[in-house]
C-alpha atoms as a PDB file:
ATOM      1  CA  UNK A   1       0.000   0.000   0.000  1.00  0.00           C
ATOM      2  CA  UNK A   2       1.341   3.419  -0.917  1.00  0.00           C
ATOM      3  CA  UNK A   3       2.381   5.843   1.833  1.00  0.00           C
ATOM      4  CA  UNK A   4      -0.215   8.382   0.695  1.00  0.00           C
ATOM      5  CA  UNK A   5      -2.961   5.791   1.075  1.00  0.00           C
ATOM      6  CA  UNK A   6      -1.741   4.825   4.555  1.00  0.00           C
ATOM      7  CA  UNK A   7      -1.698   8.477   5.592  1.00  0.00           C
ATOM      8  CA  UNK A   8      -5.216   8.980   4.280  1.00  0.00           C
ATOM      9  CA  UNK A   9      -6.456   5.975   6.255  1.00  0.00           C
ATOM     10  CA  UNK A  10      -4.839   7.300   9.424  1.00  0.00           C
ATOM     11  CA  UNK A  11      -6.512  10.689   8.956  1.00  0.00           C
ATOM     12  CA  UNK A  12      -9.869   8.986   8.330  1.00  0.00           C
ATOM     13  CA  UNK A  13      -9.439   6.877  11.497  1.00  0.00           C
ATOM     14  CA  UNK A  14      -8.761   9.977  13.583  1.00  0.00           C
ATOM     15  CA  UNK A  15     -11.822  11.724  12.150  1.00  0.00           C
ATOM     16  CA  UNK A  16     -13.987   8.699  12.916  1.00  0.00           C
ATOM     17  CA  UNK A  17     -12.715   8.576  16.488  1.00  0.00           C
ATOM     18  CA  UNK A  18     -13.469  12.269  16.936  1.00  0.00           C
ATOM     19  CA  UNK A  19     -17.004  11.646  15.709  1.00  0.00           C
ATOM     20  CA  UNK A  20     -17.703   9.000  18.375  1.00  0.00           C
ATOM     21  CA  UNK A  21     -19.436  10.424  21.478  1.00  0.00           C
ATOM     22  CA  UNK A  22     -17.463  10.436  24.703  1.00  0.00           C
ATOM     23  CA  UNK A  23     -17.754   7.344  26.908  1.00  0.00           C
ATOM     24  CA  UNK A  24     -21.212   7.183  28.416  1.00  0.00           C
ATOM     25  CA  UNK A  25     -22.744   9.808  26.110  1.00  0.00           C
ATOM     26  CA  UNK A  26     -25.238   7.297  24.710  1.00  0.00           C
ATOM     27  CA  UNK A  27     -28.785   8.487  24.153  1.00  0.00           C
ATOM     28  CA  UNK A  28     -31.568   7.161  21.962  1.00  0.00           C
ATOM     29  CA  UNK A  29     -34.685   8.817  20.611  1.00  0.00           C
ATOM     30  CA  UNK A  30     -37.645   6.613  21.511  1.00  0.00           C
ATOM     31  CA  UNK A  31     -40.608   5.883  19.275  1.00  0.00           C
ATOM     32  CA  UNK A  32     -43.121   5.918  22.109  1.00  0.00           C
ATOM     33  CA  UNK A  33     -46.757   5.173  21.383  1.00  0.00           C
ATOM     34  CA  UNK A  34     -49.587   6.038  23.759  1.00  0.00           C
ATOM     35  CA  UNK A  35     -53.323   5.574  24.035  1.00  0.00           C
ATOM     36  CA  UNK A  36     -55.802   7.108  26.435  1.00  0.00           C
ATOM     37  CA  UNK A  37     -57.187   4.992  29.264  1.00  0.00           C
ATOM     38  CA  UNK A  38     -60.164   5.738  31.551  1.00  0.00           C
ATOM     39  CA  UNK A  39     -60.088   5.562  35.325  1.00  0.00           C
ATOM     40  CA  UNK A  40     -62.583   2.695  35.204  1.00  0.00           C
ATOM     41  CA  UNK A  41     -63.257   0.672  32.038  1.00  0.00           C
ATOM     42  CA  UNK A  42     -66.473  -0.696  33.562  1.00  0.00           C
ATOM     43  CA  UNK A  43     -67.728   2.765  34.482  1.00  0.00           C
ATOM     44  CA  UNK A  44     -66.135   5.375  32.172  1.00  0.00           C
ATOM     45  CA  UNK A  45     -68.076   8.127  33.922  1.00  0.00           C
ATOM     46  CA  UNK A  46     -66.153   7.590  37.200  1.00  0.00           C
ATOM     47  CA  UNK A  47     -63.761  10.434  37.986  1.00  0.00           C
ATOM     48  CA  UNK A  48     -63.334  10.223  41.769  1.00  0.00           C
ATOM     49  CA  UNK A  49     -61.520   7.816  44.084  1.00  0.00           C
ATOM     50  CA  UNK A  50     -60.871   8.932  47.644  1.00  0.00           C
ATOM     51  CA  UNK A  51     -59.330  12.396  47.542  1.00  0.00           C
ATOM     52  CA  UNK A  52     -58.188  11.923  43.929  1.00  0.00           C
ATOM     53  CA  UNK A  53     -59.977  13.387  40.902  1.00  0.00           C
ATOM     54  CA  UNK A  54     -59.152  11.897  37.487  1.00  0.00           C
ATOM     55  CA  UNK A  55     -57.187  14.143  35.113  1.00  0.00           C
ATOM     56  CA  UNK A  56     -56.330  11.658  32.397  1.00  0.00           C
ATOM     57  CA  UNK A  57     -54.167   8.616  31.849  1.00  0.00           C
ATOM     58  CA  UNK A  58     -52.235   6.855  29.106  1.00  0.00           C
ATOM     59  CA  UNK A  59     -50.770   3.467  28.353  1.00  0.00           C
ATOM     60  CA  UNK A  60     -47.239   3.699  26.945  1.00  0.00           C
ATOM     61  CA  UNK A  61     -45.285   1.272  24.811  1.00  0.00           C
ATOM     62  CA  UNK A  62     -42.333   1.219  22.417  1.00  0.00           C
ATOM     63  CA  UNK A  63     -40.829  -1.079  19.793  1.00  0.00           C
ATOM     64  CA  UNK A  64     -37.480  -0.705  21.551  1.00  0.00           C
ATOM     65  CA  UNK A  65     -36.941  -3.934  23.464  1.00  0.00           C
ATOM     66  CA  UNK A  66     -35.169  -2.267  26.379  1.00  0.00           C
ATOM     67  CA  UNK A  67     -38.056   0.090  27.164  1.00  0.00           C
ATOM     68  CA  UNK A  68     -39.845  -0.701  30.419  1.00  0.00           C
ATOM     69  CA  UNK A  69     -39.215  -1.222  34.103  1.00  0.00           C
ATOM     70  CA  UNK A  70     -39.930   2.431  35.007  1.00  0.00           C
ATOM     71  CA  UNK A  71     -39.476   2.710  38.763  1.00  0.00           C
ATOM     72  CA  UNK A  72     -38.842   6.338  39.766  1.00  0.00           C
ATOM     73  CA  UNK A  73     -40.378   9.604  38.550  1.00  0.00           C
ATOM     74  CA  UNK A  74     -39.694  13.346  38.609  1.00  0.00           C
ATOM     75  CA  UNK A  75     -42.060  15.843  36.970  1.00  0.00           C
ATOM     76  CA  UNK A  76     -40.871  19.381  36.265  1.00  0.00           C
ATOM     77  CA  UNK A  77     -42.489  22.058  38.476  1.00  0.00           C
ATOM     78  CA  UNK A  78     -44.511  23.357  35.506  1.00  0.00           C
ATOM     79  CA  UNK A  79     -45.745  19.862  34.637  1.00  0.00           C
ATOM     80  CA  UNK A  80     -44.263  20.090  31.136  1.00  0.00           C
ATOM     81  CA  UNK A  81     -41.621  17.349  31.318  1.00  0.00           C
ATOM     82  CA  UNK A  82     -40.810  14.131  33.122  1.00  0.00           C
ATOM     83  CA  UNK A  83     -37.725  12.141  34.003  1.00  0.00           C
ATOM     84  CA  UNK A  84     -37.979   8.484  34.976  1.00  0.00           C
ATOM     85  CA  UNK A  85     -35.395   5.882  35.975  1.00  0.00           C
ATOM     86  CA  UNK A  86     -35.629   2.183  35.189  1.00  0.00           C
ATOM     87  CA  UNK A  87     -34.568  -0.983  36.968  1.00  0.00           C
ATOM     88  CA  UNK A  88     -32.445  -1.937  33.953  1.00  0.00           C
ATOM     89  CA  UNK A  89     -29.992   0.970  33.970  1.00  0.00           C
ATOM     90  CA  UNK A  90     -31.739   3.629  31.866  1.00  0.00           C
ATOM     91  CA  UNK A  91     -33.408   6.978  32.391  1.00  0.00           C
ATOM     92  CA  UNK A  92     -36.181   8.435  30.277  1.00  0.00           C
ATOM     93  CA  UNK A  93     -36.949  12.052  29.434  1.00  0.00           C
ATOM     94  CA  UNK A  94     -40.139  13.176  27.680  1.00  0.00           C
ATOM     95  CA  UNK A  95     -42.472  16.122  27.255  1.00  0.00           C
ATOM     96  CA  UNK A  96     -45.892  15.651  28.863  1.00  0.00           C
ATOM     97  CA  UNK A  97     -48.763  16.507  26.527  1.00  0.00           C
ATOM     98  CA  UNK A  98     -51.950  17.965  28.014  1.00  0.00           C
ATOM     99  CA  UNK A  99     -55.155  18.957  26.246  1.00  0.00           C
ATOM    100  CA  UNK A 100     -56.817  22.367  26.405  1.00  0.00           C
ATOM    101  CA  UNK A 101     -58.435  21.422  29.728  1.00  0.00           C
ATOM    102  CA  UNK A 102     -55.143  20.354  31.268  1.00  0.00           C
ATOM    103  CA  UNK A 103     -55.829  16.605  31.034  1.00  0.00           C
ATOM    104  CA  UNK A 104     -52.957  14.218  30.368  1.00  0.00           C
ATOM    105  CA  UNK A 105     -53.182  12.877  26.781  1.00  0.00           C
ATOM    106  CA  UNK A 106     -49.690  11.835  25.691  1.00  0.00           C
ATOM    107  CA  UNK A 107     -45.896  12.101  25.657  1.00  0.00           C
ATOM    108  CA  UNK A 108     -43.553  13.624  23.079  1.00  0.00           C
ATOM    109  CA  UNK A 109     -39.833  14.064  22.349  1.00  0.00           C
ATOM    110  CA  UNK A 110     -38.874  10.984  24.339  1.00  0.00           C
ATOM    111  CA  UNK A 111     -35.229  10.032  24.818  1.00  0.00           C
ATOM    112  CA  UNK A 112     -33.597   7.090  26.567  1.00  0.00           C
ATOM    113  CA  UNK A 113     -30.237   7.503  28.306  1.00  0.00           C
ATOM    114  CA  UNK A 114     -27.861   5.213  30.188  1.00  0.00           C
ATOM    115  CA  UNK A 115     -27.390   5.641  33.941  1.00  0.00           C
ATOM    116  CA  UNK A 116     -23.758   6.206  34.868  1.00  0.00           C
ATOM    117  CA  UNK A 117     -21.485   5.033  37.600  1.00  0.00           C
ATOM    118  CA  UNK A 118     -18.812   6.827  39.581  1.00  0.00           C
ATOM    119  CA  UNK A 119     -16.448   6.591  36.596  1.00  0.00           C
ATOM    120  CA  UNK A 120     -18.967   8.251  34.275  1.00  0.00           C
ATOM    121  CA  UNK A 121     -19.435   5.045  32.280  1.00  0.00           C
ATOM    122  CA  UNK A 122     -22.788   3.296  31.757  1.00  0.00           C
ATOM    123  CA  UNK A 123     -23.716   0.854  34.485  1.00  0.00           C
ATOM    124  CA  UNK A 124     -23.480  -2.826  33.590  1.00  0.00           C
ATOM    125  CA  UNK A 125     -25.286  -5.851  34.979  1.00  0.00           C
ATOM    126  CA  UNK A 126     -28.636  -6.105  36.783  1.00  0.00           C
ATOM    127  CA  UNK A 127     -26.960  -6.050  40.205  1.00  0.00           C
ATOM    128  CA  UNK A 128     -25.682  -2.507  39.651  1.00  0.00           C
ATOM    129  CA  UNK A 129     -28.381  -1.172  37.278  1.00  0.00           C
ATOM    130  CA  UNK A 130     -31.494  -1.664  39.416  1.00  0.00           C
ATOM    131  CA  UNK A 131     -32.608   1.945  40.033  1.00  0.00           C
ATOM    132  CA  UNK A 132     -35.815   2.118  42.081  1.00  0.00           C
ATOM    133  CA  UNK A 133     -36.354   5.701  43.272  1.00  0.00           C
ATOM    134  CA  UNK A 134     -35.101   9.244  42.925  1.00  0.00           C
ATOM    135  CA  UNK A 135     -35.538  12.705  44.364  1.00  0.00           C
ATOM    136  CA  UNK A 136     -34.180  16.172  43.611  1.00  0.00           C
ATOM    137  CA  UNK A 137     -32.471  18.167  46.377  1.00  0.00           C
ATOM    138  CA  UNK A 138     -32.276  21.931  46.882  1.00  0.00           C
ATOM    139  CA  UNK A 139     -28.988  22.322  44.989  1.00  0.00           C
ATOM    140  CA  UNK A 140     -30.421  20.635  41.880  1.00  0.00           C
ATOM    141  CA  UNK A 141     -28.772  17.270  42.467  1.00  0.00           C
ATOM    142  CA  UNK A 142     -30.699  14.056  41.897  1.00  0.00           C
ATOM    143  CA  UNK A 143     -30.387  11.210  44.386  1.00  0.00           C
ATOM    144  CA  UNK A 144     -31.024   7.718  43.038  1.00  0.00           C
ATOM    145  CA  UNK A 145     -31.634   4.642  45.193  1.00  0.00           C
ATOM    146  CA  UNK A 146     -30.532   1.273  43.812  1.00  0.00           C
ATOM    147  CA  UNK A 147     -31.363  -2.184  45.111  1.00  0.00           C
ATOM    148  CA  UNK A 148     -29.640  -5.572  44.823  1.00  0.00           C
ATOM    149  CA  UNK A 149     -26.375  -3.671  45.244  1.00  0.00           C
ATOM    150  CA  UNK A 150     -28.083  -1.455  47.839  1.00  0.00           C
ATOM    151  CA  UNK A 151     -26.906   2.158  47.751  1.00  0.00           C
ATOM    152  CA  UNK A 152     -27.894   5.806  47.266  1.00  0.00           C
ATOM    153  CA  UNK A 153     -25.945   7.847  44.724  1.00  0.00           C
ATOM    154  CA  UNK A 154     -25.925  11.568  44.105  1.00  0.00           C
ATOM    155  CA  UNK A 155     -25.813  13.006  40.576  1.00  0.00           C
ATOM    156  CA  UNK A 156     -24.784  16.678  40.777  1.00  0.00           C
ATOM    157  CA  UNK A 157     -25.894  19.324  38.270  1.00  0.00           C
ATOM    158  CA  UNK A 158     -23.531  20.855  35.733  1.00  0.00           C
ATOM    159  CA  UNK A 159     -20.906  18.081  35.600  1.00  0.00           C
ATOM    160  CA  UNK A 160     -19.859  17.512  31.974  1.00  0.00           C
ATOM    161  CA  UNK A 161     -18.415  14.084  32.751  1.00  0.00           C
ATOM    162  CA  UNK A 162     -19.624  12.571  29.500  1.00  0.00           C
ATOM    163  CA  UNK A 163     -18.669  15.449  27.240  1.00  0.00           C
ATOM    164  CA  UNK A 164     -22.257  15.908  26.061  1.00  0.00           C
ATOM    165  CA  UNK A 165     -23.007  19.304  27.611  1.00  0.00           C
ATOM    166  CA  UNK A 166     -25.424  18.455  30.425  1.00  0.00           C
ATOM    167  CA  UNK A 167     -27.717  21.185  31.591  1.00  0.00           C
ATOM    168  CA  UNK A 168     -28.595  22.002  35.160  1.00  0.00           C
ATOM    169  CA  UNK A 169     -31.883  20.099  34.881  1.00  0.00           C
ATOM    170  CA  UNK A 170     -30.173  16.937  33.604  1.00  0.00           C
ATOM    171  CA  UNK A 171     -27.798  15.966  36.432  1.00  0.00           C
ATOM    172  CA  UNK A 172     -28.228  12.275  35.532  1.00  0.00           C
ATOM    173  CA  UNK A 173     -25.661  12.928  32.787  1.00  0.00           C
ATOM    174  CA  UNK A 174     -23.068  13.390  35.543  1.00  0.00           C
ATOM    175  CA  UNK A 175     -20.746  10.954  37.277  1.00  0.00           C
ATOM    176  CA  UNK A 176     -22.312   9.407  40.360  1.00  0.00           C
ATOM    177  CA  UNK A 177     -21.132  10.352  43.830  1.00  0.00           C
ATOM    178  CA  UNK A 178     -21.876   7.822  46.604  1.00  0.00           C
ATOM    179  CA  UNK A 179     -23.651   8.861  49.777  1.00  0.00           C
ATOM    180  CA  UNK A 180     -22.582   7.076  52.965  1.00  0.00           C
ATOM    181  CA  UNK A 181     -24.549   3.852  53.360  1.00  0.00           C
ATOM    182  CA  UNK A 182     -27.274   3.814  56.022  1.00  0.00           C
ATOM    183  CA  UNK A 183     -26.570   1.340  58.808  1.00  0.00           C
ATOM    184  CA  UNK A 184     -28.451  -1.877  58.098  1.00  0.00           C
ATOM    185  CA  UNK A 185     -28.923  -1.323  54.370  1.00  0.00           C
ATOM    186  CA  UNK A 186     -26.917  -4.464  53.582  1.00  0.00           C
ATOM    187  CA  UNK A 187     -29.442  -6.513  55.574  1.00  0.00           C
ATOM    188  CA  UNK A 188     -32.244  -5.651  53.152  1.00  0.00           C
ATOM    189  CA  UNK A 189     -33.424  -8.476  50.869  1.00  0.00           C
ATOM    190  CA  UNK A 190     -31.905  -8.535  47.410  1.00  0.00           C
ATOM    191  CA  UNK A 191     -35.063  -7.341  45.659  1.00  0.00           C
ATOM    192  CA  UNK A 192     -36.706  -5.413  48.519  1.00  0.00           C
ATOM    193  CA  UNK A 193     -34.455  -2.433  49.048  1.00  0.00           C
ATOM    194  CA  UNK A 194     -35.148   1.314  49.063  1.00  0.00           C
ATOM    195  CA  UNK A 195     -38.217   1.972  46.905  1.00  0.00           C
ATOM    196  CA  UNK A 196     -39.010   5.570  47.855  1.00  0.00           C
ATOM    197  CA  UNK A 197     -36.934   8.734  48.213  1.00  0.00           C
ATOM    198  CA  UNK A 198     -38.415  12.131  49.043  1.00  0.00           C
ATOM    199  CA  UNK A 199     -36.797  15.464  49.886  1.00  0.00           C
ATOM    200  CA  UNK A 200     -38.377  17.304  52.808  1.00  0.00           C
ATOM    201  CA  UNK A 201     -38.777  21.067  53.051  1.00  0.00           C
ATOM    202  CA  UNK A 202     -35.565  21.365  55.116  1.00  0.00           C
ATOM    203  CA  UNK A 203     -33.645  19.440  52.375  1.00  0.00           C
ATOM    204  CA  UNK A 204     -33.364  16.292  54.474  1.00  0.00           C
ATOM    205  CA  UNK A 205     -34.241  13.072  52.643  1.00  0.00           C
ATOM    206  CA  UNK A 206     -36.501  10.217  53.716  1.00  0.00           C
ATOM    207  CA  UNK A 207     -35.795   6.762  52.255  1.00  0.00           C
ATOM    208  CA  UNK A 208     -38.378   3.972  52.569  1.00  0.00           C
ATOM    209  CA  UNK A 209     -37.517   0.327  51.928  1.00  0.00           C
ATOM    210  CA  UNK A 210     -39.778  -2.647  51.250  1.00  0.00           C
ATOM    211  CA  UNK A 211     -38.003  -4.901  53.736  1.00  0.00           C
ATOM    212  CA  UNK A 212     -38.616  -8.555  54.570  1.00  0.00           C
ATOM    213  CA  UNK A 213     -41.890 -10.380  53.935  1.00  0.00           C
ATOM    214  CA  UNK A 214     -42.490 -11.281  57.576  1.00  0.00           C
ATOM    215  CA  UNK A 215     -41.966  -7.768  58.954  1.00  0.00           C
ATOM    216  CA  UNK A 216     -44.865  -5.594  60.128  1.00  0.00           C
ATOM    217  CA  UNK A 217     -42.653  -2.505  59.891  1.00  0.00           C
ATOM    218  CA  UNK A 218     -40.594  -1.574  56.829  1.00  0.00           C
ATOM    219  CA  UNK A 219     -37.123  -0.078  57.367  1.00  0.00           C
ATOM    220  CA  UNK A 220     -36.823   3.669  56.836  1.00  0.00           C
ATOM    221  CA  UNK A 221     -33.818   5.991  56.883  1.00  0.00           C
ATOM    222  CA  UNK A 222     -33.535   9.760  57.322  1.00  0.00           C
ATOM    223  CA  UNK A 223     -30.642  11.715  55.778  1.00  0.00           C
ATOM    224  CA  UNK A 224     -30.191  14.894  57.812  1.00  0.00           C
ATOM    225  CA  UNK A 225     -27.142  17.008  58.699  1.00  0.00           C
ATOM    226  CA  UNK A 226     -24.798  14.768  56.732  1.00  0.00           C
ATOM    227  CA  UNK A 227     -25.768  11.439  58.310  1.00  0.00           C
ATOM    228  CA  UNK A 228     -28.431   8.727  58.352  1.00  0.00           C
ATOM    229  CA  UNK A 229     -30.733   7.802  61.227  1.00  0.00           C
ATOM    230  CA  UNK A 230     -33.155   4.882  61.444  1.00  0.00           C
ATOM    231  CA  UNK A 231     -36.955   4.998  61.502  1.00  0.00           C
ATOM    232  CA  UNK A 232     -39.761   2.514  60.951  1.00  0.00           C
ATOM    233  CA  UNK A 233     -42.678   2.577  58.524  1.00  0.00           C
ATOM    234  CA  UNK A 234     -45.880   0.851  59.632  1.00  0.00           C
ATOM    235  CA  UNK A 235     -47.223  -1.534  57.014  1.00  0.00           C
ATOM    236  CA  UNK A 236     -50.884  -2.105  56.167  1.00  0.00           C
ATOM    237  CA  UNK A 237     -51.498  -5.730  55.199  1.00  0.00           C
ATOM    238  CA  UNK A 238     -49.418  -6.674  52.154  1.00  0.00           C
ATOM    239  CA  UNK A 239     -48.992  -3.073  51.012  1.00  0.00           C
ATOM    240  CA  UNK A 240     -45.451  -1.737  50.933  1.00  0.00           C
ATOM    241  CA  UNK A 241     -44.079   1.727  50.138  1.00  0.00           C
ATOM    242  CA  UNK A 242     -43.059   2.171  46.508  1.00  0.00           C
ATOM    243  CA  UNK A 243     -42.561   5.951  46.183  1.00  0.00           C
ATOM    244  CA  UNK A 244     -43.149   9.269  47.943  1.00  0.00           C
ATOM    245  CA  UNK A 245     -43.438  12.974  47.114  1.00  0.00           C
ATOM    246  CA  UNK A 246     -43.778  16.224  49.027  1.00  0.00           C
ATOM    247  CA  UNK A 247     -47.087  18.084  49.040  1.00  0.00           C
ATOM    248  CA  UNK A 248     -47.131  21.893  48.689  1.00  0.00           C
ATOM    249  CA  UNK A 249     -47.607  22.352  52.453  1.00  0.00           C
ATOM    250  CA  UNK A 250     -44.589  20.152  53.257  1.00  0.00           C
ATOM    251  CA  UNK A 251     -46.445  16.963  54.224  1.00  0.00           C
ATOM    252  CA  UNK A 252     -45.654  13.731  52.399  1.00  0.00           C
ATOM    253  CA  UNK A 253     -47.798  11.712  50.018  1.00  0.00           C
ATOM    254  CA  UNK A 254     -46.696   8.084  49.880  1.00  0.00           C
ATOM    255  CA  UNK A 255     -47.545   5.506  47.243  1.00  0.00           C
ATOM    256  CA  UNK A 256     -48.044   1.966  48.562  1.00  0.00           C
ATOM    257  CA  UNK A 257     -48.309  -1.085  46.345  1.00  0.00           C
ATOM    258  CA  UNK A 258     -49.659  -4.589  46.831  1.00  0.00           C
ATOM    259  CA  UNK A 259     -48.804  -7.146  44.164  1.00  0.00           C
ATOM    260  CA  UNK A 260     -49.449 -10.754  45.168  1.00  0.00           C
ATOM    261  CA  UNK A 261     -50.772 -13.857  43.402  1.00  0.00           C
ATOM    262  CA  UNK A 262     -53.602 -14.344  45.907  1.00  0.00           C
ATOM    263  CA  UNK A 263     -54.773 -10.743  46.348  1.00  0.00           C
ATOM    264  CA  UNK A 264     -53.708  -9.291  43.017  1.00  0.00           C
ATOM    265  CA  UNK A 265     -52.717  -5.681  42.490  1.00  0.00           C
ATOM    266  CA  UNK A 266     -53.750  -2.870  44.821  1.00  0.00           C
ATOM    267  CA  UNK A 267     -52.654   0.725  45.382  1.00  0.00           C
ATOM    268  CA  UNK A 268     -52.941   2.971  48.418  1.00  0.00           C
ATOM    269  CA  UNK A 269     -52.070   6.645  48.666  1.00  0.00           C
ATOM    270  CA  UNK A 270     -51.358   7.716  52.228  1.00  0.00           C
ATOM    271  CA  UNK A 271     -50.470  11.015  53.841  1.00  0.00           C
ATOM    272  CA  UNK A 272     -47.821  11.636  56.480  1.00  0.00           C
ATOM    273  CA  UNK A 273     -47.301  14.917  58.381  1.00  0.00           C
ATOM    274  CA  UNK A 274     -43.816  16.301  57.861  1.00  0.00           C
ATOM    275  CA  UNK A 275     -43.517  16.862  61.619  1.00  0.00           C
ATOM    276  CA  UNK A 276     -43.722  13.081  62.154  1.00  0.00           C
ATOM    277  CA  UNK A 277     -40.454  12.456  60.311  1.00  0.00           C
ATOM    278  CA  UNK A 278     -37.904  12.412  63.127  1.00  0.00           C
ATOM    279  CA  UNK A 279     -35.130   9.996  64.039  1.00  0.00           C
ATOM    280  CA  UNK A 280     -36.408   6.850  65.731  1.00  0.00           C
ATOM    281  CA  UNK A 281     -40.060   7.467  64.862  1.00  0.00           C
ATOM    282  CA  UNK A 282     -42.567   4.851  63.775  1.00  0.00           C
ATOM    283  CA  UNK A 283     -44.223   6.453  60.756  1.00  0.00           C
ATOM    284  CA  UNK A 284     -47.969   5.803  60.621  1.00  0.00           C
ATOM    285  CA  UNK A 285     -49.533   7.511  57.599  1.00  0.00           C
ATOM    286  CA  UNK A 286     -53.270   7.929  56.963  1.00  0.00           C
ATOM    287  CA  UNK A 287     -54.967   6.594  53.819  1.00  0.00           C
ATOM    288  CA  UNK A 288     -56.404   9.166  51.409  1.00  0.00           C
ATOM    289  CA  UNK A 289     -57.235   6.896  48.457  1.00  0.00           C
ATOM    290  CA  UNK A 290     -57.271   3.209  47.587  1.00  0.00           C
ATOM    291  CA  UNK A 291     -57.257   1.999  43.972  1.00  0.00           C
ATOM    292  CA  UNK A 292     -58.324  -1.565  43.191  1.00  0.00           C
ATOM    293  CA  UNK A 293     -59.527  -3.318  40.008  1.00  0.00           C
ATOM    294  CA  UNK A 294     -61.541  -2.618  37.931  1.00  0.00           C
ATOM    295  CA  UNK A 295     -59.802   0.768  38.214  1.00  0.00           C
ATOM    296  CA  UNK A 296     -56.983   1.232  35.727  1.00  0.00           C
ATOM    297  CA  UNK A 297     -53.869   0.294  37.694  1.00  0.00           C
ATOM    298  CA  UNK A 298     -50.870  -1.964  37.384  1.00  0.00           C
ATOM    299  CA  UNK A 299     -47.612  -2.344  39.293  1.00  0.00           C
ATOM    300  CA  UNK A 300     -47.498   1.347  40.252  1.00  0.00           C
ATOM    301  CA  UNK A 301     -43.960   2.057  41.461  1.00  0.00           C
ATOM    302  CA  UNK A 302     -43.374   5.754  40.843  1.00  0.00           C
ATOM    303  CA  UNK A 303     -45.038   9.031  41.783  1.00  0.00           C
ATOM    304  CA  UNK A 304     -44.485  12.766  41.802  1.00  0.00           C
ATOM    305  CA  UNK A 305     -46.517  15.798  42.855  1.00  0.00           C
ATOM    306  CA  UNK A 306     -46.574  19.297  41.336  1.00  0.00           C
ATOM    307  CA  UNK A 307     -48.755  22.375  41.816  1.00  0.00           C
ATOM    308  CA  UNK A 308     -50.093  24.047  38.675  1.00  0.00           C
ATOM    309  CA  UNK A 309     -50.601  27.759  38.053  1.00  0.00           C
ATOM    310  CA  UNK A 310     -54.199  27.478  39.310  1.00  0.00           C
ATOM    311  CA  UNK A 311     -52.993  26.226  42.668  1.00  0.00           C
ATOM    312  CA  UNK A 312     -54.154  22.647  42.081  1.00  0.00           C
ATOM    313  CA  UNK A 313     -52.061  19.797  43.469  1.00  0.00           C
ATOM    314  CA  UNK A 314     -51.474  17.256  40.702  1.00  0.00           C
ATOM    315  CA  UNK A 315     -50.367  13.684  41.347  1.00  0.00           C
ATOM    316  CA  UNK A 316     -48.648  11.595  38.648  1.00  0.00           C
ATOM    317  CA  UNK A 317     -48.456   7.800  39.028  1.00  0.00           C
ATOM    318  CA  UNK A 318     -46.260   5.576  36.832  1.00  0.00           C
ATOM    319  CA  UNK A 319     -46.153   1.770  36.590  1.00  0.00           C
ATOM    320  CA  UNK A 320     -43.326  -0.733  36.153  1.00  0.00           C
ATOM    321  CA  UNK A 321     -44.336  -3.394  33.612  1.00  0.00           C
ATOM    322  CA  UNK A 322     -41.569  -5.784  34.742  1.00  0.00           C
ATOM    323  CA  UNK A 323     -40.924  -6.424  31.020  1.00  0.00           C
ATOM    324  CA  UNK A 324     -43.948  -8.725  31.214  1.00  0.00           C
ATOM    325  CA  UNK A 325     -46.301  -8.925  28.220  1.00  0.00           C
ATOM    326  CA  UNK A 326     -49.362  -9.162  30.458  1.00  0.00           C
ATOM    327  CA  UNK A 327     -48.489  -5.929  32.318  1.00  0.00           C
ATOM    328  CA  UNK A 328     -48.614  -2.327  31.163  1.00  0.00           C
ATOM    329  CA  UNK A 329     -46.669   0.894  31.490  1.00  0.00           C
ATOM    330  CA  UNK A 330     -49.257   3.405  32.686  1.00  0.00           C
ATOM    331  CA  UNK A 331     -48.965   7.114  33.438  1.00  0.00           C
ATOM    332  CA  UNK A 332     -51.937   8.443  35.400  1.00  0.00           C
ATOM    333  CA  UNK A 333     -52.721  11.979  36.558  1.00  0.00           C
ATOM    334  CA  UNK A 334     -55.024  13.105  39.351  1.00  0.00           C
ATOM    335  CA  UNK A 335     -55.879  16.301  41.175  1.00  0.00           C
ATOM    336  CA  UNK A 336     -55.490  15.866  44.929  1.00  0.00           C
ATOM    337  CA  UNK A 337     -57.993  17.439  47.299  1.00  0.00           C
ATOM    338  CA  UNK A 338     -56.510  18.560  50.624  1.00  0.00           C
END
């Protein structure tokens, strides 16, 4: 081969390398499809359940085989966009589409991204990829709780670790920073770790775990003043906490899920006063709504709360389909009555 040809190949190789995104900069546009669902297929006129008023819902699917397993949710304060993490190492961003009356009718501009580790590279293997919950703190960071390899990681805003120009509202593009592990977190069952994270008004963080099957109280942990303390969360039957969000007045709304072969699927929304969240406490929330079939529900694992410009408190619920063909990915929206 002539020297000029070799030189040309070397130049082409360099150009191709420069064109490859930096390690971990992977993102994929998703071809999401959605269809509207009612609150109750058997009674389409139903709009009320407990303190929740129906504001629309959609079923979501995609031809991309890795879509699914959505387990944690953040909705932007204006209700225009969502971010969700999955239990298979991805995070989703999408625009939320509402109709002229403010009802949820679809999603648009969806993208799938890879969750990163402390080295900025995409996480590998189910043991490390199983993200179950997230919350945003006052400085714009996002905390993500993982199970199997139980841990809580912080993703700070503005860190261009992947070379793909993250913005302040996309901290999940950053390298992960580990938080100290709560005492006892390694004793949690492999698949029953921290399922809910919520930031309180004072920027402390409450973490709720599923815990062991034979426990009447689920483990809970409170991050405050740079350290963790232990609490307990009182269970109701086979319901276990699966996510939590802060209400406009500072109290907490907690999503509880029941998913058993004998009893089937069930959802409870419960309320907890912020003042009750102190080290050593046994948290005993009060039910505000219970959703059972034939209402449109599935394995609801994620929730967030926002307040719209009319002062309404809006609750978004998202389901994990477990990559199971008989389950669905649902996004539901309700107005919450105080």
